[in-house]
Protein backbone atom coordinates (compact mmCIF):
# COMPACT_ATOMS: atom_id res chain seq x y z
CA MET A 1 -14.18 -33.72 -60.36
CA SER A 2 -16.48 -31.65 -62.98
CA TYR A 3 -18.88 -28.69 -62.25
CA THR A 4 -21.37 -31.09 -63.65
CA MET A 5 -20.96 -32.59 -59.63
CA PHE A 6 -23.13 -29.64 -58.56
CA THR A 7 -25.90 -29.47 -60.75
CA VAL A 8 -28.77 -31.59 -62.77
CA ASN A 9 -27.11 -32.32 -65.50
CA LYS A 10 -24.51 -35.31 -64.17
CA TYR A 11 -28.49 -37.19 -63.73
CA TYR A 12 -28.92 -36.84 -67.10
CA LYS A 13 -25.33 -38.37 -67.78
CA MET A 14 -25.82 -41.11 -65.38
CA SER A 15 -26.36 -44.60 -66.93
CA ASN A 16 -29.98 -46.36 -65.53
CA ALA A 17 -26.88 -48.99 -64.01
CA GLU A 18 -25.67 -45.66 -61.89
CA LEU A 19 -29.29 -43.96 -61.13
CA GLU A 20 -30.73 -47.12 -60.02
CA LYS A 21 -27.62 -47.41 -57.53
CA THR A 22 -28.15 -43.89 -56.58
CA ALA A 23 -31.71 -44.20 -56.42
CA GLY A 24 -31.38 -47.26 -53.70
CA LYS A 25 -28.77 -44.82 -51.97
CA TRP A 26 -31.57 -42.84 -51.37
CA ASN A 27 -34.61 -44.88 -50.79
CA ILE A 28 -36.09 -43.56 -53.85
CA GLN A 29 -38.79 -46.01 -55.69
CA TYR A 30 -38.27 -46.36 -59.35
CA GLY A 31 -39.32 -48.99 -60.55
CA LEU A 32 -42.10 -49.74 -63.59
CA SER A 33 -44.63 -51.98 -63.01
CA ASP A 34 -43.27 -54.14 -66.02
CA GLY A 35 -39.72 -53.94 -64.09
CA ALA A 36 -38.14 -51.75 -65.94
CA THR A 37 -36.38 -48.34 -65.11
CA ASP A 38 -38.14 -45.22 -65.30
CA ARG A 39 -35.14 -42.90 -66.20
CA ASN A 40 -37.43 -39.88 -65.27
CA LEU A 41 -38.86 -40.72 -62.40
CA ILE A 42 -35.57 -40.95 -60.84
CA ILE A 43 -34.75 -37.51 -61.98
CA GLU A 44 -36.79 -35.92 -61.11
CA LYS A 45 -37.12 -37.00 -57.01
CA LEU A 46 -33.67 -36.93 -57.23
CA ILE A 47 -33.72 -33.13 -58.34
CA GLN A 48 -36.43 -32.79 -55.64
CA ARG A 49 -33.96 -34.51 -52.66
CA ASP A 50 -31.38 -32.00 -53.93
CA LYS A 51 -33.56 -29.25 -53.85
CA ALA A 52 -35.12 -29.91 -50.53
CA ASN A 53 -30.85 -30.48 -49.17
CA ASN A 54 -30.14 -27.06 -50.68
CA SER A 55 -32.59 -25.29 -48.78
CA ARG A 56 -31.52 -26.95 -45.22
CA ILE A 57 -28.07 -25.81 -46.21
CA ALA A 58 -29.39 -22.19 -46.78
CA ILE A 59 -31.16 -22.43 -43.36
CA PHE A 60 -28.13 -23.05 -42.01
CA ILE A 61 -26.08 -20.74 -43.08
CA SER A 62 -27.94 -17.60 -42.95
CA ILE A 63 -28.70 -18.68 -38.72
CA ILE A 64 -24.97 -18.86 -38.57
CA ALA A 65 -24.37 -15.34 -40.45
CA LEU A 66 -27.57 -14.22 -38.05
CA ILE A 67 -25.53 -15.35 -34.70
CA VAL A 68 -22.23 -13.75 -35.89
CA SER A 69 -23.98 -10.89 -36.81
CA ILE A 70 -25.32 -10.89 -33.43
CA ILE A 71 -21.60 -11.59 -31.71
CA GLY A 72 -20.16 -8.78 -34.06
CA LEU A 73 -22.83 -6.22 -32.93
CA ILE A 74 -22.36 -7.38 -29.20
CA ILE A 75 -18.15 -6.40 -29.36
CA ASN A 76 -19.16 -3.55 -31.26
CA ALA A 77 -21.15 -2.03 -28.55
CA GLU A 78 -18.71 -2.84 -25.70
């Protein structure tokens, strides 16, 4: 596995079939009226999804850090 796994570049390197499979996995609508695949639309929506997930992870980590800090203060106060 390479570093590109964690960046948006991975989407630009995917084939149309891989993009369609990934979009289908996350229920992302991507087709054009003529049945063609819109690569840019799929990539844009996947990037938006990744950004939303990153925000959730950051919030979760912040809450854990806050809890650990409070526990540390309680233990130090005793």
